[in-house]
Amino acid sequence: MVNYQELAERLSVQQAHDRQTQKKPALRGSHATRIYERVKAVVDHEIEKANVELKMRKLASVERVRAPSYFGRLCLSFGSDVLCAVDLDEVQGEIVAVISGPPNAQELARKAFMLSEYQPEQIAEELVSGLLVGEFS
């Protein structure tokens, strides 16, 4: 027979411990999705700003990849060599970005942005600048 009183007490102790060890709770569900959509919108604006500077120097431009295989995923490319794939991990409450490039689409950099610690504008700026230099700060 299950002793729910004992289980409730253990859960209470565990939650108290979790509250003490966490800085900020992870953002999950629809709130995380709204933040991710905001990041996508701000990334589009950052791409426009970056491309103005890149075109003045006759360099390749940053583009957003909108292929069907990337549906719901934010993918950016710089020229034909470097790709940045950005995914929302609702379970962890973070946005994970991976930059890959030559040779053989090798992973060059990876960063997880905790949604409780970054603003959408900060994430967007770091995504675009990270793509240009091939690493995240």
N, C-alpha and C. Protein backbone atom coordinates (compact mmCIF):
# COMPACT_ATOMS: atom_id res chain seq x y z
N MET A 1 0.84 -1.18 0.00
CA MET A 1 0.00 0.00 0.00
C MET A 1 0.89 1.25 0.00
N VAL A 2 0.51 2.25 -0.77
CA VAL A 2 1.28 3.48 -0.91
C VAL A 2 0.96 4.42 0.24
N ASN A 3 2.00 4.95 0.85
CA ASN A 3 1.84 5.92 1.92
C ASN A 3 2.01 7.31 1.32
N TYR A 4 0.89 7.95 0.98
CA TYR A 4 0.94 9.25 0.32
C TYR A 4 1.44 10.35 1.24
N GLN A 5 1.25 10.19 2.51
CA GLN A 5 1.74 11.18 3.45
C GLN A 5 3.28 11.21 3.41
N GLU A 6 3.87 10.04 3.37
CA GLU A 6 5.33 9.95 3.31
C GLU A 6 5.85 10.49 1.98
N LEU A 7 5.16 10.15 0.89
CA LEU A 7 5.56 10.66 -0.43
C LEU A 7 5.44 12.18 -0.50
N ALA A 8 4.37 12.71 0.06
CA ALA A 8 4.18 14.16 0.07
C ALA A 8 5.27 14.85 0.88
N GLU A 9 5.66 14.27 1.99
CA GLU A 9 6.72 14.84 2.82
C GLU A 9 8.05 14.84 2.06
N ARG A 10 8.37 13.73 1.38
CA ARG A 10 9.62 13.66 0.60
C ARG A 10 9.62 14.68 -0.53
N LEU A 11 8.46 14.82 -1.18
CA LEU A 11 8.34 15.79 -2.26
C LEU A 11 8.52 17.21 -1.74
N SER A 12 7.95 17.49 -0.58
CA SER A 12 8.07 18.80 0.03
C SER A 12 9.53 19.13 0.34
N VAL A 13 10.26 18.17 0.89
CA VAL A 13 11.67 18.36 1.20
C VAL A 13 12.47 18.56 -0.09
N GLN A 14 12.17 17.76 -1.11
CA GLN A 14 12.87 17.89 -2.39
C GLN A 14 12.64 19.26 -3.02
N GLN A 15 11.39 19.74 -3.01
CA GLN A 15 11.09 21.04 -3.59
C GLN A 15 11.78 22.16 -2.82
N ALA A 16 11.82 22.05 -1.52
CA ALA A 16 12.52 23.05 -0.71
C ALA A 16 14.00 23.07 -1.06
N HIS A 17 14.59 21.90 -1.23
CA HIS A 17 16.00 21.80 -1.62
C HIS A 17 16.22 22.41 -3.01
N ASP A 18 15.32 22.11 -3.95
CA ASP A 18 15.43 22.65 -5.31
C ASP A 18 15.35 24.17 -5.30
N ARG A 19 14.47 24.74 -4.50
CA ARG A 19 14.34 26.19 -4.44
C ARG A 19 15.62 26.84 -3.92
N GLN A 20 16.27 26.18 -2.99
CA GLN A 20 17.49 26.74 -2.42
C GLN A 20 18.66 26.66 -3.39
N THR A 21 18.71 25.63 -4.22
CA THR A 21 19.87 25.43 -5.09
C THR A 21 19.74 26.12 -6.44
N GLN A 22 18.54 26.49 -6.84
CA GLN A 22 18.35 27.13 -8.13
C GLN A 22 18.45 28.64 -8.00
N LYS A 23 19.12 29.27 -8.99
CA LYS A 23 19.15 30.73 -9.03
C LYS A 23 17.77 31.25 -9.43
N LYS A 24 17.35 30.80 -10.61
CA LYS A 24 16.07 31.20 -11.16
C LYS A 24 15.42 29.97 -11.76
N PRO A 25 14.11 29.84 -11.66
CA PRO A 25 13.48 28.67 -12.27
C PRO A 25 13.52 28.77 -13.79
N ALA A 26 13.59 27.64 -14.44
CA ALA A 26 13.58 27.59 -15.90
C ALA A 26 12.20 28.00 -16.40
N LEU A 27 12.17 28.68 -17.52
CA LEU A 27 10.91 29.07 -18.13
C LEU A 27 10.48 27.96 -19.06
N ARG A 28 9.26 27.51 -18.92
CA ARG A 28 8.81 26.37 -19.71
C ARG A 28 7.50 26.66 -20.40
N GLY A 29 7.19 25.80 -21.35
CA GLY A 29 5.88 25.83 -22.00
C GLY A 29 5.69 27.01 -22.91
N SER A 30 4.47 27.56 -22.89
CA SER A 30 4.11 28.60 -23.84
C SER A 30 4.92 29.88 -23.62
N HIS A 31 5.33 30.15 -22.39
CA HIS A 31 6.15 31.34 -22.13
C HIS A 31 7.50 31.20 -22.84
N ALA A 32 8.09 30.03 -22.77
CA ALA A 32 9.36 29.79 -23.45
C ALA A 32 9.18 29.91 -24.97
N THR A 33 8.08 29.43 -25.48
CA THR A 33 7.80 29.53 -26.92
C THR A 33 7.66 30.98 -27.34
N ARG A 34 7.00 31.79 -26.53
CA ARG A 34 6.86 33.22 -26.85
C ARG A 34 8.22 33.90 -26.87
N ILE A 35 9.08 33.57 -25.92
CA ILE A 35 10.42 34.16 -25.90
C ILE A 35 11.20 33.73 -27.14
N TYR A 36 11.08 32.46 -27.52
CA TYR A 36 11.78 31.95 -28.70
C TYR A 36 11.30 32.67 -29.96
N GLU A 37 10.01 32.90 -30.08
CA GLU A 37 9.48 33.63 -31.23
C GLU A 37 9.97 35.07 -31.23
N ARG A 38 10.10 35.66 -30.06
CA ARG A 38 10.64 37.03 -29.95
C ARG A 38 12.11 37.04 -30.39
N VAL A 39 12.87 36.03 -30.00
CA VAL A 39 14.27 35.93 -30.41
C VAL A 39 14.35 35.86 -31.94
N LYS A 40 13.49 35.08 -32.56
CA LYS A 40 13.48 34.96 -34.02
C LYS A 40 13.24 36.33 -34.67
N ALA A 41 12.29 37.09 -34.12
CA ALA A 41 11.99 38.41 -34.68
C ALA A 41 13.17 39.36 -34.52
N VAL A 42 13.80 39.34 -33.37
CA VAL A 42 14.94 40.23 -33.13
C VAL A 42 16.14 39.80 -33.99
N VAL A 43 16.30 38.49 -34.22
CA VAL A 43 17.38 38.00 -35.08
C VAL A 43 17.22 38.57 -36.49
N ASP A 44 16.00 38.62 -37.00
CA ASP A 44 15.77 39.19 -38.33
C ASP A 44 16.25 40.64 -38.38
N HIS A 45 15.98 41.40 -37.34
CA HIS A 45 16.44 42.80 -37.27
C HIS A 45 17.97 42.87 -37.19
N GLU A 46 18.58 42.00 -36.40
CA GLU A 46 20.04 41.98 -36.27
C GLU A 46 20.69 41.58 -37.60
N ILE A 47 20.07 40.67 -38.34
CA ILE A 47 20.59 40.26 -39.65
C ILE A 47 20.61 41.46 -40.59
N GLU A 48 19.53 42.24 -40.58
CA GLU A 48 19.47 43.43 -41.45
C GLU A 48 20.62 44.38 -41.12
N LYS A 49 20.86 44.63 -39.83
CA LYS A 49 21.93 45.54 -39.43
C LYS A 49 23.30 44.99 -39.83
N ALA A 50 23.51 43.70 -39.62
CA ALA A 50 24.79 43.10 -39.96
C ALA A 50 25.02 43.12 -41.47
N ASN A 51 23.99 42.84 -42.24
CA ASN A 51 24.14 42.77 -43.69
C ASN A 51 24.48 44.13 -44.31
N VAL A 52 24.00 45.21 -43.71
CA VAL A 52 24.36 46.54 -44.19
C VAL A 52 25.87 46.72 -44.12
N GLU A 53 26.46 46.36 -42.99
CA GLU A 53 27.90 46.49 -42.81
C GLU A 53 28.66 45.51 -43.71
N LEU A 54 28.17 44.29 -43.83
CA LEU A 54 28.84 43.29 -44.65
C LEU A 54 28.84 43.68 -46.13
N LYS A 55 27.72 44.21 -46.61
CA LYS A 55 27.62 44.61 -48.02
C LYS A 55 28.53 45.78 -48.33
N MET A 56 28.69 46.70 -47.37
CA MET A 56 29.60 47.83 -47.59
C MET A 56 31.02 47.35 -47.79
N ARG A 57 31.37 46.22 -47.20
CA ARG A 57 32.72 45.67 -47.31
C ARG A 57 32.80 44.55 -48.34
N LYS A 58 31.71 44.37 -49.09
CA LYS A 58 31.63 43.36 -50.15
C LYS A 58 31.92 41.95 -49.64
N LEU A 59 31.32 41.63 -48.48
CA LEU A 59 31.45 40.30 -47.89
C LEU A 59 30.15 39.54 -48.06
N ALA A 60 30.19 38.24 -47.84
CA ALA A 60 28.97 37.42 -47.91
C ALA A 60 27.97 37.91 -46.87
N SER A 61 26.72 37.67 -47.13
CA SER A 61 25.68 38.14 -46.20
C SER A 61 25.19 37.01 -45.31
N VAL A 62 24.54 37.41 -44.22
CA VAL A 62 23.90 36.47 -43.31
C VAL A 62 22.47 36.30 -43.80
N GLU A 63 22.02 35.06 -43.87
CA GLU A 63 20.66 34.79 -44.33
C GLU A 63 19.99 33.81 -43.39
N ARG A 64 18.69 33.93 -43.34
CA ARG A 64 17.89 32.98 -42.57
C ARG A 64 17.44 31.88 -43.49
N VAL A 65 17.73 30.63 -43.14
CA VAL A 65 17.37 29.48 -43.96
C VAL A 65 15.92 29.11 -43.63
N ARG A 66 15.09 29.08 -44.65
CA ARG A 66 13.67 28.78 -44.43
C ARG A 66 13.25 27.53 -45.18
N ALA A 67 14.10 26.52 -45.18
CA ALA A 67 13.80 25.26 -45.86
C ALA A 67 12.79 24.47 -45.03
N PRO A 68 11.93 23.67 -45.69
CA PRO A 68 10.92 22.89 -44.97
C PRO A 68 11.50 21.94 -43.93
N SER A 69 12.70 21.44 -44.17
CA SER A 69 13.28 20.50 -43.21
C SER A 69 13.66 21.20 -41.90
N TYR A 70 13.70 22.53 -41.91
CA TYR A 70 14.04 23.28 -40.71
C TYR A 70 12.80 23.93 -40.09
N PHE A 71 11.61 23.42 -40.38
CA PHE A 71 10.37 24.03 -39.90
C PHE A 71 10.38 24.16 -38.38
N GLY A 72 10.09 25.36 -37.90
CA GLY A 72 10.04 25.62 -36.47
C GLY A 72 11.39 25.85 -35.84
N ARG A 73 12.42 25.74 -36.62
CA ARG A 73 13.79 25.88 -36.14
C ARG A 73 14.39 27.13 -36.77
N LEU A 74 15.18 27.83 -36.01
CA LEU A 74 15.85 29.00 -36.53
C LEU A 74 17.22 28.57 -37.05
N CYS A 75 17.44 28.77 -38.35
CA CYS A 75 18.73 28.43 -38.96
C CYS A 75 19.24 29.64 -39.70
N LEU A 76 20.51 29.94 -39.47
CA LEU A 76 21.16 31.08 -40.12
C LEU A 76 22.37 30.57 -40.88
N SER A 77 22.66 31.22 -42.00
CA SER A 77 23.86 30.85 -42.74
C SER A 77 24.67 32.11 -43.01
N PHE A 78 25.97 31.94 -43.07
CA PHE A 78 26.88 33.02 -43.43
C PHE A 78 27.66 32.52 -44.62
N GLY A 79 27.39 33.08 -45.78
CA GLY A 79 27.98 32.58 -47.00
C GLY A 79 27.46 31.19 -47.27
N SER A 80 28.30 30.35 -47.83
CA SER A 80 27.87 28.99 -48.10
C SER A 80 28.58 27.99 -47.20
N ASP A 81 29.35 28.48 -46.23
CA ASP A 81 30.15 27.59 -45.41
C ASP A 81 29.62 27.38 -43.99
N VAL A 82 29.14 28.42 -43.36
CA VAL A 82 28.84 28.36 -41.93
C VAL A 82 27.33 28.38 -41.70
N LEU A 83 26.87 27.48 -40.84
CA LEU A 83 25.45 27.37 -40.50
C LEU A 83 25.30 27.40 -38.99
N CYS A 84 24.29 28.13 -38.53
CA CYS A 84 23.97 28.17 -37.10
C CYS A 84 22.54 27.66 -36.94
N ALA A 85 22.39 26.54 -36.24
CA ALA A 85 21.07 25.96 -35.98
C ALA A 85 20.70 26.29 -34.54
N VAL A 86 19.49 26.84 -34.36
CA VAL A 86 19.05 27.30 -33.05
C VAL A 86 17.74 26.59 -32.71
N ASP A 87 17.73 25.89 -31.58
CA ASP A 87 16.56 25.14 -31.16
C ASP A 87 16.12 25.56 -29.77
N LEU A 88 14.82 25.43 -29.53
CA LEU A 88 14.26 25.67 -28.21
C LEU A 88 14.14 24.34 -27.48
N ASP A 89 14.70 24.27 -26.30
CA ASP A 89 14.56 23.10 -25.43
C ASP A 89 13.64 23.50 -24.29
N GLU A 90 12.34 23.23 -24.47
CA GLU A 90 11.35 23.64 -23.48
C GLU A 90 11.54 22.92 -22.15
N VAL A 91 12.01 21.69 -22.18
CA VAL A 91 12.19 20.92 -20.96
C VAL A 91 13.24 21.57 -20.07
N GLN A 92 14.36 21.99 -20.65
CA GLN A 92 15.42 22.63 -19.89
C GLN A 92 15.22 24.14 -19.74
N GLY A 93 14.30 24.72 -20.52
CA GLY A 93 14.09 26.16 -20.47
C GLY A 93 15.25 26.93 -21.05
N GLU A 94 15.75 26.46 -22.21
CA GLU A 94 16.90 27.10 -22.81
C GLU A 94 16.82 27.06 -24.32
N ILE A 95 17.58 27.97 -24.93
CA ILE A 95 17.76 27.99 -26.38
C ILE A 95 19.17 27.50 -26.63
N VAL A 96 19.30 26.49 -27.49
CA VAL A 96 20.61 25.89 -27.78
C VAL A 96 20.99 26.26 -29.21
N ALA A 97 22.18 26.84 -29.37
CA ALA A 97 22.68 27.23 -30.69
C ALA A 97 23.95 26.44 -30.99
N VAL A 98 24.03 25.94 -32.23
CA VAL A 98 25.20 25.18 -32.67
C VAL A 98 25.67 25.77 -33.99
N ILE A 99 26.93 26.17 -34.04
CA ILE A 99 27.53 26.67 -35.27
C ILE A 99 28.35 25.53 -35.87
N SER A 100 28.11 25.26 -37.14
CA SER A 100 28.88 24.22 -37.83
C SER A 100 29.42 24.77 -39.14
N GLY A 101 30.53 24.21 -39.55
CA GLY A 101 31.16 24.69 -40.77
C GLY A 101 32.20 23.72 -41.27
N PRO A 102 33.03 24.21 -42.18
CA PRO A 102 34.02 23.33 -42.77
C PRO A 102 35.07 22.92 -41.75
N PRO A 103 35.67 21.81 -41.91
CA PRO A 103 35.39 20.80 -42.93
C PRO A 103 34.28 19.86 -42.49
N ASN A 104 33.55 19.35 -43.42
CA ASN A 104 32.53 18.32 -43.20
C ASN A 104 31.46 18.70 -42.19
N ALA A 105 31.04 19.93 -42.22
CA ALA A 105 30.00 20.42 -41.31
C ALA A 105 30.32 20.12 -39.85
N GLN A 106 31.57 20.30 -39.52
CA GLN A 106 32.06 20.05 -38.16
C GLN A 106 31.48 21.10 -37.20
N GLU A 107 31.16 20.67 -35.99
CA GLU A 107 30.68 21.61 -34.98
C GLU A 107 31.82 22.52 -34.55
N LEU A 108 31.59 23.82 -34.71
CA LEU A 108 32.61 24.82 -34.36
C LEU A 108 32.37 25.40 -32.97
N ALA A 109 31.09 25.57 -32.63
CA ALA A 109 30.76 26.17 -31.34
C ALA A 109 29.35 25.77 -30.94
N ARG A 110 29.12 25.77 -29.63
CA ARG A 110 27.80 25.44 -29.09
C ARG A 110 27.58 26.30 -27.84
N LYS A 111 26.35 26.77 -27.68
CA LYS A 111 26.04 27.53 -26.48
C LYS A 111 24.57 27.34 -26.14
N ALA A 112 24.31 27.21 -24.84
CA ALA A 112 22.94 27.13 -24.34
C ALA A 112 22.63 28.43 -23.62
N PHE A 113 21.55 29.08 -24.02
CA PHE A 113 21.10 30.32 -23.41
C PHE A 113 19.92 30.01 -22.49
N MET A 114 20.13 30.10 -21.19
CA MET A 114 19.03 29.90 -20.24
C MET A 114 18.05 31.06 -20.38
N LEU A 115 16.79 30.76 -20.62
CA LEU A 115 15.80 31.81 -20.85
C LEU A 115 15.59 32.69 -19.64
N SER A 116 15.89 32.17 -18.46
CA SER A 116 15.72 32.96 -17.25
C SER A 116 16.89 33.92 -17.02
N GLU A 117 17.96 33.78 -17.80
CA GLU A 117 19.15 34.60 -17.59
C GLU A 117 19.45 35.58 -18.72
N TYR A 118 18.83 35.41 -19.88
CA TYR A 118 19.10 36.26 -21.03
C TYR A 118 17.83 36.91 -21.54
N GLN A 119 17.97 38.11 -22.07
CA GLN A 119 16.88 38.80 -22.76
C GLN A 119 16.92 38.37 -24.23
N PRO A 120 15.78 38.39 -24.93
CA PRO A 120 15.77 38.01 -26.34
C PRO A 120 16.75 38.83 -27.19
N GLU A 121 16.90 40.10 -26.87
CA GLU A 121 17.82 40.96 -27.62
C GLU A 121 19.27 40.50 -27.44
N GLN A 122 19.63 40.10 -26.22
CA GLN A 122 20.99 39.62 -25.96
C GLN A 122 21.26 38.33 -26.74
N ILE A 123 20.28 37.44 -26.74
CA ILE A 123 20.44 36.16 -27.45
C ILE A 123 20.61 36.42 -28.94
N ALA A 124 19.75 37.27 -29.50
CA ALA A 124 19.81 37.55 -30.95
C ALA A 124 21.15 38.16 -31.34
N GLU A 125 21.63 39.12 -30.56
CA GLU A 125 22.91 39.75 -30.86
C GLU A 125 24.04 38.73 -30.82
N GLU A 126 24.02 37.87 -29.83
CA GLU A 126 25.10 36.88 -29.71
C GLU A 126 25.01 35.82 -30.81
N LEU A 127 23.80 35.48 -31.24
CA LEU A 127 23.65 34.50 -32.33
C LEU A 127 24.27 35.03 -33.61
N VAL A 128 23.92 36.26 -33.98
CA VAL A 128 24.42 36.82 -35.24
C VAL A 128 25.91 37.09 -35.16
N SER A 129 26.38 37.69 -34.08
CA SER A 129 27.81 37.97 -33.97
C SER A 129 28.61 36.68 -33.86
N GLY A 130 28.07 35.69 -33.16
CA GLY A 130 28.74 34.40 -33.05
C GLY A 130 28.87 33.71 -34.40
N LEU A 131 27.84 33.82 -35.21
CA LEU A 131 27.88 33.23 -36.55
C LEU A 131 28.98 33.88 -37.39
N LEU A 132 29.12 35.20 -37.28
CA LEU A 132 30.12 35.91 -38.07
C LEU A 132 31.56 35.54 -37.69
N VAL A 133 31.80 35.35 -36.39
CA VAL A 133 33.17 35.04 -35.96
C VAL A 133 33.41 33.53 -35.79
N GLY A 134 32.34 32.75 -35.85
CA GLY A 134 32.49 31.29 -35.76
C GLY A 134 32.59 30.75 -34.36
N GLU A 135 32.25 31.58 -33.35
CA GLU A 135 32.27 31.11 -31.96
C GLU A 135 31.41 32.03 -31.11
N PHE A 136 31.00 31.53 -29.97
CA PHE A 136 30.20 32.33 -29.05
C PHE A 136 31.10 32.86 -27.94
N SER A 137 30.75 34.04 -27.46
CA SER A 137 31.55 34.62 -26.37
C SER A 137 31.17 34.04 -25.03
